Full PDB file with SEQRES, HELIX, SHEET, SSBOND, CRYST1, ORIGX, SCALE, CONECT and MASTER records, all heavy atoms in Angstrom:
SEQRES   1 A   39  THR ASN VAL LEU SER LEU ALA THR VAL TYR PRO LEU TYR          
SEQRES   2 A   39  PHE GLY LEU ALA SER GLN GLU GLN ALA ASP SER ILE ALA          
SEQRES   3 A   39  GLU ILE LEU GLN GLU LYS PHE LEU SER PRO GLY GLY LEU          
HELIX    1 AA1 LEU A    6  VAL A    9  5                                   4    
HELIX    2 AA2 TYR A   10  TYR A   13  1                                   4    
HELIX    3 AA3 GLN A   19  ILE A   28  1                                  10    
HELIX    4 AA4 LEU A   29  PHE A   33  3                                   5    
CRYST1    1.000    1.000    1.000  90.00  90.00  90.00 P 1           1          
ORIGX1      1.000000  0.000000  0.000000        0.00000                         
ORIGX2      0.000000  1.000000  0.000000        0.00000                         
ORIGX3      0.000000  0.000000  1.000000        0.00000                         
SCALE1      1.000000  0.000000  0.000000        0.00000                         
SCALE2      0.000000  1.000000  0.000000        0.00000                         
SCALE3      0.000000  0.000000  1.000000        0.00000                         
ATOM      1  N   THR A   1      13.394 -78.837 -67.825  1.00  0.00           N  
ATOM      2  CA  THR A   1      14.880 -78.832 -68.081  1.00  0.00           C  
ATOM      3  C   THR A   1      15.442 -77.398 -68.362  1.00  0.00           C  
ATOM      4  O   THR A   1      16.668 -77.232 -68.254  1.00  0.00           O  
ATOM      5  CB  THR A   1      15.225 -79.632 -69.432  1.00  0.00           C  
ATOM      6  OG1 THR A   1      14.539 -78.991 -70.455  1.00  0.00           O  
ATOM      7  CG2 THR A   1      14.646 -81.078 -69.288  1.00  0.00           C  
ATOM      8  N   ASN A   2      14.572 -76.476 -68.599  1.00  0.00           N  
ATOM      9  CA  ASN A   2      15.014 -75.150 -68.896  1.00  0.00           C  
ATOM     10  C   ASN A   2      15.769 -74.933 -70.235  1.00  0.00           C  
ATOM     11  O   ASN A   2      16.560 -74.042 -70.377  1.00  0.00           O  
ATOM     12  CB  ASN A   2      15.754 -74.479 -67.746  1.00  0.00           C  
ATOM     13  CG  ASN A   2      14.868 -74.247 -66.564  1.00  0.00           C  
ATOM     14  OD1 ASN A   2      13.747 -73.851 -66.762  1.00  0.00           O  
ATOM     15  ND2 ASN A   2      15.327 -74.491 -65.273  1.00  0.00           N  
ATOM     16  N   VAL A   3      15.604 -75.919 -71.032  1.00  0.00           N  
ATOM     17  CA  VAL A   3      16.222 -75.803 -72.454  1.00  0.00           C  
ATOM     18  C   VAL A   3      15.105 -75.447 -73.379  1.00  0.00           C  
ATOM     19  O   VAL A   3      14.185 -76.252 -73.670  1.00  0.00           O  
ATOM     20  CB  VAL A   3      16.876 -77.041 -72.901  1.00  0.00           C  
ATOM     21  CG1 VAL A   3      17.393 -76.994 -74.360  1.00  0.00           C  
ATOM     22  CG2 VAL A   3      18.041 -77.415 -71.939  1.00  0.00           C  
ATOM     23  N   LEU A   4      15.020 -74.216 -73.763  1.00  0.00           N  
ATOM     24  CA  LEU A   4      13.925 -73.825 -74.713  1.00  0.00           C  
ATOM     25  C   LEU A   4      14.317 -74.316 -76.126  1.00  0.00           C  
ATOM     26  O   LEU A   4      15.317 -73.974 -76.610  1.00  0.00           O  
ATOM     27  CB  LEU A   4      13.742 -72.292 -74.649  1.00  0.00           C  
ATOM     28  CG  LEU A   4      13.542 -71.577 -73.303  1.00  0.00           C  
ATOM     29  CD1 LEU A   4      13.210 -70.163 -73.458  1.00  0.00           C  
ATOM     30  CD2 LEU A   4      12.466 -72.349 -72.575  1.00  0.00           C  
ATOM     31  N   SER A   5      13.313 -74.925 -76.735  1.00  0.00           N  
ATOM     32  CA  SER A   5      13.636 -75.505 -78.096  1.00  0.00           C  
ATOM     33  C   SER A   5      12.343 -75.508 -78.906  1.00  0.00           C  
ATOM     34  O   SER A   5      11.234 -75.266 -78.370  1.00  0.00           O  
ATOM     35  CB  SER A   5      14.087 -76.935 -77.856  1.00  0.00           C  
ATOM     36  OG  SER A   5      12.986 -77.884 -77.683  1.00  0.00           O  
ATOM     37  N   LEU A   6      12.496 -75.854 -80.210  1.00  0.00           N  
ATOM     38  CA  LEU A   6      11.347 -75.893 -81.068  1.00  0.00           C  
ATOM     39  C   LEU A   6      10.471 -77.143 -80.855  1.00  0.00           C  
ATOM     40  O   LEU A   6       9.429 -77.256 -81.554  1.00  0.00           O  
ATOM     41  CB  LEU A   6      11.760 -75.832 -82.534  1.00  0.00           C  
ATOM     42  CG  LEU A   6      12.331 -74.456 -83.082  1.00  0.00           C  
ATOM     43  CD1 LEU A   6      12.592 -74.547 -84.543  1.00  0.00           C  
ATOM     44  CD2 LEU A   6      11.422 -73.276 -82.646  1.00  0.00           C  
ATOM     45  N   ALA A   7      10.815 -77.931 -79.871  1.00  0.00           N  
ATOM     46  CA  ALA A   7       9.937 -79.047 -79.522  1.00  0.00           C  
ATOM     47  C   ALA A   7       8.572 -78.441 -78.993  1.00  0.00           C  
ATOM     48  O   ALA A   7       7.472 -79.121 -79.034  1.00  0.00           O  
ATOM     49  CB  ALA A   7      10.571 -79.924 -78.444  1.00  0.00           C  
ATOM     50  N   THR A   8       8.535 -77.163 -78.633  1.00  0.00           N  
ATOM     51  CA  THR A   8       7.407 -76.484 -78.111  1.00  0.00           C  
ATOM     52  C   THR A   8       6.356 -76.347 -79.202  1.00  0.00           C  
ATOM     53  O   THR A   8       5.169 -76.130 -78.822  1.00  0.00           O  
ATOM     54  CB  THR A   8       7.850 -75.063 -77.585  1.00  0.00           C  
ATOM     55  OG1 THR A   8       6.725 -74.593 -76.789  1.00  0.00           O  
ATOM     56  CG2 THR A   8       8.196 -74.172 -78.661  1.00  0.00           C  
ATOM     57  N   VAL A   9       6.709 -76.431 -80.396  1.00  0.00           N  
ATOM     58  CA  VAL A   9       5.646 -76.199 -81.455  1.00  0.00           C  
ATOM     59  C   VAL A   9       4.824 -77.480 -81.811  1.00  0.00           C  
ATOM     60  O   VAL A   9       3.725 -77.395 -82.336  1.00  0.00           O  
ATOM     61  CB  VAL A   9       6.270 -75.643 -82.800  1.00  0.00           C  
ATOM     62  CG1 VAL A   9       7.033 -74.392 -82.545  1.00  0.00           C  
ATOM     63  CG2 VAL A   9       7.210 -76.719 -83.435  1.00  0.00           C  
ATOM     64  N   TYR A  10       5.278 -78.630 -81.332  1.00  0.00           N  
ATOM     65  CA  TYR A  10       4.488 -79.849 -81.557  1.00  0.00           C  
ATOM     66  C   TYR A  10       3.110 -79.844 -81.013  1.00  0.00           C  
ATOM     67  O   TYR A  10       2.174 -80.199 -81.718  1.00  0.00           O  
ATOM     68  CB  TYR A  10       5.288 -81.073 -81.118  1.00  0.00           C  
ATOM     69  CG  TYR A  10       6.336 -81.678 -81.985  1.00  0.00           C  
ATOM     70  CD1 TYR A  10       7.540 -80.993 -82.229  1.00  0.00           C  
ATOM     71  CD2 TYR A  10       6.064 -82.748 -82.763  1.00  0.00           C  
ATOM     72  CE1 TYR A  10       8.558 -81.479 -83.042  1.00  0.00           C  
ATOM     73  CE2 TYR A  10       7.076 -83.286 -83.661  1.00  0.00           C  
ATOM     74  CZ  TYR A  10       8.196 -82.628 -83.850  1.00  0.00           C  
ATOM     75  OH  TYR A  10       9.153 -83.098 -84.704  1.00  0.00           O  
ATOM     76  N   PRO A  11       2.969 -79.364 -79.733  1.00  0.00           N  
ATOM     77  CA  PRO A  11       1.575 -79.230 -79.259  1.00  0.00           C  
ATOM     78  C   PRO A  11       0.729 -78.319 -80.038  1.00  0.00           C  
ATOM     79  O   PRO A  11      -0.493 -78.424 -80.032  1.00  0.00           O  
ATOM     80  CB  PRO A  11       1.784 -78.772 -77.725  1.00  0.00           C  
ATOM     81  CG  PRO A  11       3.126 -79.237 -77.434  1.00  0.00           C  
ATOM     82  CD  PRO A  11       3.937 -79.109 -78.681  1.00  0.00           C  
ATOM     83  N   LEU A  12       1.254 -77.267 -80.659  1.00  0.00           N  
ATOM     84  CA  LEU A  12       0.492 -76.421 -81.546  1.00  0.00           C  
ATOM     85  C   LEU A  12       0.093 -77.241 -82.721  1.00  0.00           C  
ATOM     86  O   LEU A  12      -1.125 -77.189 -83.113  1.00  0.00           O  
ATOM     87  CB  LEU A  12       1.318 -75.184 -81.868  1.00  0.00           C  
ATOM     88  CG  LEU A  12       1.191 -73.967 -81.102  1.00  0.00           C  
ATOM     89  CD1 LEU A  12       1.698 -74.272 -79.652  1.00  0.00           C  
ATOM     90  CD2 LEU A  12       1.892 -72.723 -81.687  1.00  0.00           C  
ATOM     91  N   TYR A  13       0.945 -77.904 -83.353  1.00  0.00           N  
ATOM     92  CA  TYR A  13       0.685 -78.565 -84.668  1.00  0.00           C  
ATOM     93  C   TYR A  13      -0.440 -79.608 -84.423  1.00  0.00           C  
ATOM     94  O   TYR A  13      -1.302 -79.772 -85.238  1.00  0.00           O  
ATOM     95  CB  TYR A  13       1.958 -79.264 -85.186  1.00  0.00           C  
ATOM     96  CG  TYR A  13       1.671 -80.043 -86.381  1.00  0.00           C  
ATOM     97  CD1 TYR A  13       1.323 -79.434 -87.622  1.00  0.00           C  
ATOM     98  CD2 TYR A  13       1.787 -81.464 -86.360  1.00  0.00           C  
ATOM     99  CE1 TYR A  13       1.079 -80.204 -88.768  1.00  0.00           C  
ATOM    100  CE2 TYR A  13       1.480 -82.183 -87.474  1.00  0.00           C  
ATOM    101  CZ  TYR A  13       1.165 -81.610 -88.713  1.00  0.00           C  
ATOM    102  OH  TYR A  13       0.916 -82.381 -89.772  1.00  0.00           O  
ATOM    103  N   PHE A  14      -0.411 -80.266 -83.240  1.00  0.00           N  
ATOM    104  CA  PHE A  14      -1.333 -81.374 -82.938  1.00  0.00           C  
ATOM    105  C   PHE A  14      -2.602 -80.874 -82.175  1.00  0.00           C  
ATOM    106  O   PHE A  14      -3.480 -81.691 -81.829  1.00  0.00           O  
ATOM    107  CB  PHE A  14      -0.722 -82.520 -82.246  1.00  0.00           C  
ATOM    108  CG  PHE A  14       0.234 -83.336 -83.166  1.00  0.00           C  
ATOM    109  CD1 PHE A  14       1.599 -83.253 -82.893  1.00  0.00           C  
ATOM    110  CD2 PHE A  14      -0.250 -84.054 -84.218  1.00  0.00           C  
ATOM    111  CE1 PHE A  14       2.490 -84.015 -83.683  1.00  0.00           C  
ATOM    112  CE2 PHE A  14       0.625 -84.727 -85.022  1.00  0.00           C  
ATOM    113  CZ  PHE A  14       1.990 -84.703 -84.798  1.00  0.00           C  
ATOM    114  N   GLY A  15      -2.705 -79.558 -81.975  1.00  0.00           N  
ATOM    115  CA  GLY A  15      -3.897 -79.033 -81.378  1.00  0.00           C  
ATOM    116  C   GLY A  15      -4.122 -79.227 -79.964  1.00  0.00           C  
ATOM    117  O   GLY A  15      -5.227 -79.271 -79.392  1.00  0.00           O  
ATOM    118  N   LEU A  16      -2.952 -79.321 -79.158  1.00  0.00           N  
ATOM    119  CA  LEU A  16      -2.963 -79.534 -77.715  1.00  0.00           C  
ATOM    120  C   LEU A  16      -3.059 -78.337 -76.891  1.00  0.00           C  
ATOM    121  O   LEU A  16      -3.383 -78.329 -75.748  1.00  0.00           O  
ATOM    122  CB  LEU A  16      -1.746 -80.467 -77.388  1.00  0.00           C  
ATOM    123  CG  LEU A  16      -1.766 -81.875 -77.751  1.00  0.00           C  
ATOM    124  CD1 LEU A  16      -0.344 -82.395 -77.800  1.00  0.00           C  
ATOM    125  CD2 LEU A  16      -2.590 -82.592 -76.750  1.00  0.00           C  
ATOM    126  N   ALA A  17      -2.700 -77.206 -77.504  1.00  0.00           N  
ATOM    127  CA  ALA A  17      -2.564 -75.977 -76.797  1.00  0.00           C  
ATOM    128  C   ALA A  17      -3.972 -75.121 -76.789  1.00  0.00           C  
ATOM    129  O   ALA A  17      -4.706 -75.297 -77.711  1.00  0.00           O  
ATOM    130  CB  ALA A  17      -1.483 -75.074 -77.417  1.00  0.00           C  
ATOM    131  N   SER A  18      -4.143 -74.313 -75.865  1.00  0.00           N  
ATOM    132  CA  SER A  18      -5.176 -73.314 -75.807  1.00  0.00           C  
ATOM    133  C   SER A  18      -4.789 -72.170 -76.719  1.00  0.00           C  
ATOM    134  O   SER A  18      -3.601 -71.982 -76.982  1.00  0.00           O  
ATOM    135  CB  SER A  18      -5.524 -72.908 -74.402  1.00  0.00           C  
ATOM    136  OG  SER A  18      -4.398 -72.116 -73.913  1.00  0.00           O  
ATOM    137  N   GLN A  19      -5.717 -71.330 -77.071  1.00  0.00           N  
ATOM    138  CA  GLN A  19      -5.327 -70.098 -77.832  1.00  0.00           C  
ATOM    139  C   GLN A  19      -4.356 -69.241 -77.044  1.00  0.00           C  
ATOM    140  O   GLN A  19      -3.454 -68.710 -77.653  1.00  0.00           O  
ATOM    141  CB  GLN A  19      -6.568 -69.293 -78.234  1.00  0.00           C  
ATOM    142  CG  GLN A  19      -6.344 -68.205 -79.181  1.00  0.00           C  
ATOM    143  CD  GLN A  19      -5.775 -68.662 -80.520  1.00  0.00           C  
ATOM    144  OE1 GLN A  19      -6.332 -69.550 -81.167  1.00  0.00           O  
ATOM    145  NE2 GLN A  19      -4.630 -68.132 -80.944  1.00  0.00           N  
ATOM    146  N   GLU A  20      -4.606 -69.140 -75.728  1.00  0.00           N  
ATOM    147  CA  GLU A  20      -3.690 -68.305 -74.982  1.00  0.00           C  
ATOM    148  C   GLU A  20      -2.279 -68.876 -74.892  1.00  0.00           C  
ATOM    149  O   GLU A  20      -1.292 -68.131 -75.003  1.00  0.00           O  
ATOM    150  CB  GLU A  20      -4.253 -68.225 -73.587  1.00  0.00           C  
ATOM    151  CG  GLU A  20      -3.406 -67.325 -72.589  1.00  0.00           C  
ATOM    152  CD  GLU A  20      -4.009 -67.366 -71.186  1.00  0.00           C  
ATOM    153  OE1 GLU A  20      -5.044 -67.961 -70.940  1.00  0.00           O  
ATOM    154  OE2 GLU A  20      -3.374 -66.576 -70.376  1.00  0.00           O  
ATOM    155  N   GLN A  21      -2.213 -70.163 -74.836  1.00  0.00           N  
ATOM    156  CA  GLN A  21      -0.861 -70.806 -74.871  1.00  0.00           C  
ATOM    157  C   GLN A  21      -0.201 -70.592 -76.217  1.00  0.00           C  
ATOM    158  O   GLN A  21       0.975 -70.236 -76.361  1.00  0.00           O  
ATOM    159  CB  GLN A  21      -1.008 -72.318 -74.562  1.00  0.00           C  
ATOM    160  CG  GLN A  21      -1.274 -72.667 -73.143  1.00  0.00           C  
ATOM    161  CD  GLN A  21      -1.575 -74.063 -72.922  1.00  0.00           C  
ATOM    162  OE1 GLN A  21      -2.272 -74.633 -73.761  1.00  0.00           O  
ATOM    163  NE2 GLN A  21      -1.053 -74.669 -71.806  1.00  0.00           N  
ATOM    164  N   ALA A  22      -0.938 -70.673 -77.288  1.00  0.00           N  
ATOM    165  CA  ALA A  22      -0.465 -70.538 -78.687  1.00  0.00           C  
ATOM    166  C   ALA A  22       0.077 -69.006 -78.776  1.00  0.00           C  
ATOM    167  O   ALA A  22       0.995 -68.782 -79.438  1.00  0.00           O  
ATOM    168  CB  ALA A  22      -1.455 -70.807 -79.702  1.00  0.00           C  
ATOM    169  N   ASP A  23      -0.710 -68.135 -78.391  1.00  0.00           N  
ATOM    170  CA  ASP A  23      -0.315 -66.711 -78.351  1.00  0.00           C  
ATOM    171  C   ASP A  23       1.049 -66.437 -77.739  1.00  0.00           C  
ATOM    172  O   ASP A  23       1.904 -65.773 -78.248  1.00  0.00           O  
ATOM    173  CB  ASP A  23      -1.399 -65.825 -77.762  1.00  0.00           C  
ATOM    174  CG  ASP A  23      -2.735 -65.785 -78.490  1.00  0.00           C  
ATOM    175  OD1 ASP A  23      -2.752 -66.162 -79.663  1.00  0.00           O  
ATOM    176  OD2 ASP A  23      -3.716 -65.413 -77.861  1.00  0.00           O  
ATOM    177  N   SER A  24       1.220 -67.088 -76.531  1.00  0.00           N  
ATOM    178  CA  SER A  24       2.454 -66.937 -75.799  1.00  0.00           C  
ATOM    179  C   SER A  24       3.628 -67.543 -76.624  1.00  0.00           C  
ATOM    180  O   SER A  24       4.673 -66.992 -76.599  1.00  0.00           O  
ATOM    181  CB  SER A  24       2.299 -67.623 -74.416  1.00  0.00           C  
ATOM    182  OG  SER A  24       1.372 -66.961 -73.596  1.00  0.00           O  
ATOM    183  N   ILE A  25       3.473 -68.728 -77.033  1.00  0.00           N  
ATOM    184  CA  ILE A  25       4.488 -69.399 -77.794  1.00  0.00           C  
ATOM    185  C   ILE A  25       4.823 -68.635 -79.114  1.00  0.00           C  
ATOM    186  O   ILE A  25       5.963 -68.477 -79.316  1.00  0.00           O  
ATOM    187  CB  ILE A  25       4.030 -70.885 -78.226  1.00  0.00           C  
ATOM    188  CG1 ILE A  25       3.940 -71.745 -76.942  1.00  0.00           C  
ATOM    189  CG2 ILE A  25       5.005 -71.430 -79.292  1.00  0.00           C  
ATOM    190  CD1 ILE A  25       3.279 -73.068 -77.255  1.00  0.00           C  
ATOM    191  N   ALA A  26       3.856 -68.023 -79.715  1.00  0.00           N  
ATOM    192  CA  ALA A  26       4.210 -67.221 -80.932  1.00  0.00           C  
ATOM    193  C   ALA A  26       5.123 -66.029 -80.520  1.00  0.00           C  
ATOM    194  O   ALA A  26       5.955 -65.652 -81.307  1.00  0.00           O  
ATOM    195  CB  ALA A  26       2.906 -66.704 -81.564  1.00  0.00           C  
ATOM    196  N   GLU A  27       4.726 -65.419 -79.402  1.00  0.00           N  
ATOM    197  CA  GLU A  27       5.571 -64.256 -78.903  1.00  0.00           C  
ATOM    198  C   GLU A  27       6.996 -64.718 -78.712  1.00  0.00           C  
ATOM    199  O   GLU A  27       7.976 -63.988 -79.062  1.00  0.00           O  
ATOM    200  CB  GLU A  27       4.984 -63.702 -77.632  1.00  0.00           C  
ATOM    201  CG  GLU A  27       3.698 -62.962 -77.936  1.00  0.00           C  
ATOM    202  CD  GLU A  27       3.098 -62.435 -76.637  1.00  0.00           C  
ATOM    203  OE1 GLU A  27       3.898 -62.346 -75.640  1.00  0.00           O  
ATOM    204  OE2 GLU A  27       1.864 -62.098 -76.532  1.00  0.00           O  
ATOM    205  N   ILE A  28       7.153 -65.844 -78.020  1.00  0.00           N  
ATOM    206  CA  ILE A  28       8.527 -66.208 -77.684  1.00  0.00           C  
ATOM    207  C   ILE A  28       9.306 -66.711 -78.988  1.00  0.00           C  
ATOM    208  O   ILE A  28      10.481 -66.393 -79.098  1.00  0.00           O  
ATOM    209  CB  ILE A  28       8.388 -67.584 -76.733  1.00  0.00           C  
ATOM    210  CG1 ILE A  28       7.739 -67.153 -75.414  1.00  0.00           C  
ATOM    211  CG2 ILE A  28       9.838 -68.152 -76.541  1.00  0.00           C  
ATOM    212  CD1 ILE A  28       8.431 -66.210 -74.649  1.00  0.00           C  
ATOM    213  N   LEU A  29       8.588 -67.333 -79.933  1.00  0.00           N  
ATOM    214  CA  LEU A  29       9.286 -67.660 -81.180  1.00  0.00           C  
ATOM    215  C   LEU A  29       9.752 -66.413 -81.936  1.00  0.00           C  
ATOM    216  O   LEU A  29      10.913 -66.351 -82.373  1.00  0.00           O  
ATOM    217  CB  LEU A  29       8.275 -68.477 -82.106  1.00  0.00           C  
ATOM    218  CG  LEU A  29       7.932 -69.909 -81.629  1.00  0.00           C  
ATOM    219  CD1 LEU A  29       6.994 -70.457 -82.643  1.00  0.00           C  
ATOM    220  CD2 LEU A  29       9.149 -70.789 -81.520  1.00  0.00           C  
ATOM    221  N   GLN A  30       8.850 -65.354 -81.906  1.00  0.00           N  
ATOM    222  CA  GLN A  30       9.274 -64.073 -82.568  1.00  0.00           C  
ATOM    223  C   GLN A  30      10.341 -63.439 -81.888  1.00  0.00           C  
ATOM    224  O   GLN A  30      11.350 -62.906 -82.535  1.00  0.00           O  
ATOM    225  CB  GLN A  30       8.038 -63.274 -82.697  1.00  0.00           C  
ATOM    226  CG  GLN A  30       8.360 -61.912 -83.505  1.00  0.00           C  
ATOM    227  CD  GLN A  30       7.099 -61.510 -84.302  1.00  0.00           C  
ATOM    228  OE1 GLN A  30       5.977 -62.025 -84.152  1.00  0.00           O  
ATOM    229  NE2 GLN A  30       7.360 -60.605 -85.282  1.00  0.00           N  
ATOM    230  N   GLU A  31      10.243 -63.407 -80.657  1.00  0.00           N  
ATOM    231  CA  GLU A  31      11.363 -62.679 -79.722  1.00  0.00           C  
ATOM    232  C   GLU A  31      12.722 -63.387 -79.664  1.00  0.00           C  
ATOM    233  O   GLU A  31      13.771 -62.720 -79.699  1.00  0.00           O  
ATOM    234  CB  GLU A  31      10.868 -62.430 -78.386  1.00  0.00           C  
ATOM    235  CG  GLU A  31       9.689 -61.520 -78.330  1.00  0.00           C  
ATOM    236  CD  GLU A  31       9.053 -61.522 -76.876  1.00  0.00           C  
ATOM    237  OE1 GLU A  31       9.665 -62.066 -75.988  1.00  0.00           O  
ATOM    238  OE2 GLU A  31       7.971 -60.878 -76.665  1.00  0.00           O  
ATOM    239  N   LYS A  32      12.634 -64.662 -79.552  1.00  0.00           N  
ATOM    240  CA  LYS A  32      13.928 -65.356 -79.159  1.00  0.00           C  
ATOM    241  C   LYS A  32      14.468 -66.313 -80.324  1.00  0.00           C  
ATOM    242  O   LYS A  32      15.627 -66.573 -80.457  1.00  0.00           O  
ATOM    243  CB  LYS A  32      13.704 -66.250 -77.971  1.00  0.00           C  
ATOM    244  CG  LYS A  32      13.384 -65.393 -76.692  1.00  0.00           C  
ATOM    245  CD  LYS A  32      13.215 -66.340 -75.524  1.00  0.00           C  
ATOM    246  CE  LYS A  32      12.873 -65.504 -74.215  1.00  0.00           C  
ATOM    247  NZ  LYS A  32      13.956 -64.677 -73.853  1.00  0.00           N  
ATOM    248  N   PHE A  33      13.512 -66.915 -81.176  1.00  0.00           N  
ATOM    249  CA  PHE A  33      13.998 -68.021 -82.050  1.00  0.00           C  
ATOM    250  C   PHE A  33      14.057 -67.417 -83.522  1.00  0.00           C  
ATOM    251  O   PHE A  33      14.876 -68.084 -84.249  1.00  0.00           O  
ATOM    252  CB  PHE A  33      12.966 -69.135 -82.024  1.00  0.00           C  
ATOM    253  CG  PHE A  33      13.108 -70.000 -80.785  1.00  0.00           C  
ATOM    254  CD1 PHE A  33      12.460 -69.594 -79.670  1.00  0.00           C  
ATOM    255  CD2 PHE A  33      13.786 -71.129 -80.793  1.00  0.00           C  
ATOM    256  CE1 PHE A  33      12.534 -70.422 -78.462  1.00  0.00           C  
ATOM    257  CE2 PHE A  33      13.909 -71.968 -79.604  1.00  0.00           C  
ATOM    258  CZ  PHE A  33      13.308 -71.605 -78.449  1.00  0.00           C  
ATOM    259  N   LEU A  34      13.262 -66.395 -83.861  1.00  0.00           N  
ATOM    260  CA  LEU A  34      13.265 -66.015 -85.325  1.00  0.00           C  
ATOM    261  C   LEU A  34      14.500 -65.321 -85.647  1.00  0.00           C  
ATOM    262  O   LEU A  34      15.126 -64.450 -84.954  1.00  0.00           O  
ATOM    263  CB  LEU A  34      12.137 -64.996 -85.430  1.00  0.00           C  
ATOM    264  CG  LEU A  34      11.924 -64.491 -86.902  1.00  0.00           C  
ATOM    265  CD1 LEU A  34      11.526 -65.760 -87.782  1.00  0.00           C  
ATOM    266  CD2 LEU A  34      10.727 -63.468 -86.950  1.00  0.00           C  
ATOM    267  N   SER A  35      15.180 -65.767 -86.721  1.00  0.00           N  
ATOM    268  CA  SER A  35      16.412 -65.288 -87.278  1.00  0.00           C  
ATOM    269  C   SER A  35      16.327 -64.979 -88.746  1.00  0.00           C  
ATOM    270  O   SER A  35      15.307 -65.263 -89.314  1.00  0.00           O  
ATOM    271  CB  SER A  35      17.551 -66.469 -87.068  1.00  0.00           C  
ATOM    272  OG  SER A  35      17.624 -66.784 -85.669  1.00  0.00           O  
ATOM    273  N   PRO A  36      17.311 -64.407 -89.359  1.00  0.00           N  
ATOM    274  CA  PRO A  36      17.176 -64.039 -90.747  1.00  0.00           C  
ATOM    275  C   PRO A  36      16.815 -65.223 -91.673  1.00  0.00           C  
ATOM    276  O   PRO A  36      16.190 -64.967 -92.761  1.00  0.00           O  
ATOM    277  CB  PRO A  36      18.610 -63.574 -91.083  1.00  0.00           C  
ATOM    278  CG  PRO A  36      19.061 -63.071 -89.801  1.00  0.00           C  
ATOM    279  CD  PRO A  36      18.610 -63.919 -88.673  1.00  0.00           C  
ATOM    280  N   GLY A  37      17.168 -66.454 -91.362  1.00  0.00           N  
ATOM    281  CA  GLY A  37      16.916 -67.549 -92.226  1.00  0.00           C  
ATOM    282  C   GLY A  37      15.774 -68.512 -91.768  1.00  0.00           C  
ATOM    283  O   GLY A  37      15.556 -69.571 -92.372  1.00  0.00           O  
ATOM    284  N   GLY A  38      15.124 -68.126 -90.750  1.00  0.00           N  
ATOM    285  CA  GLY A  38      14.026 -68.979 -90.188  1.00  0.00           C  
ATOM    286  C   GLY A  38      14.186 -69.080 -88.637  1.00  0.00           C  
ATOM    287  O   GLY A  38      14.687 -68.143 -88.028  1.00  0.00           O  
ATOM    288  N   LEU A  39      13.777 -70.234 -88.012  1.00  0.00           N  
ATOM    289  CA  LEU A  39      13.893 -70.459 -86.640  1.00  0.00           C  
ATOM    290  C   LEU A  39      15.066 -71.273 -86.165  1.00  0.00           C  
ATOM    291  O   LEU A  39      15.290 -72.329 -86.826  1.00  0.00           O  
ATOM    292  CB  LEU A  39      12.553 -71.152 -86.264  1.00  0.00           C  
ATOM    293  CG  LEU A  39      11.236 -70.493 -86.410  1.00  0.00           C  
ATOM    294  CD1 LEU A  39      10.063 -71.434 -86.027  1.00  0.00           C  
ATOM    295  CD2 LEU A  39      11.131 -69.129 -85.584  1.00  0.00           C  
TER     296      LEU A  39                                                      
MASTER        0    0    0    4    0    0    0    6  295    1    0    3          
END                                                                             
């Protein structure tokens, strides 16, 4: 859909991602989603 959203973190929480995938998601969260009050 090309809508980037925090739905992306559910596979991390339930252990569906590889470490490499988790590393990538963490980078995107920090670069694009992280704001002064949270995500």
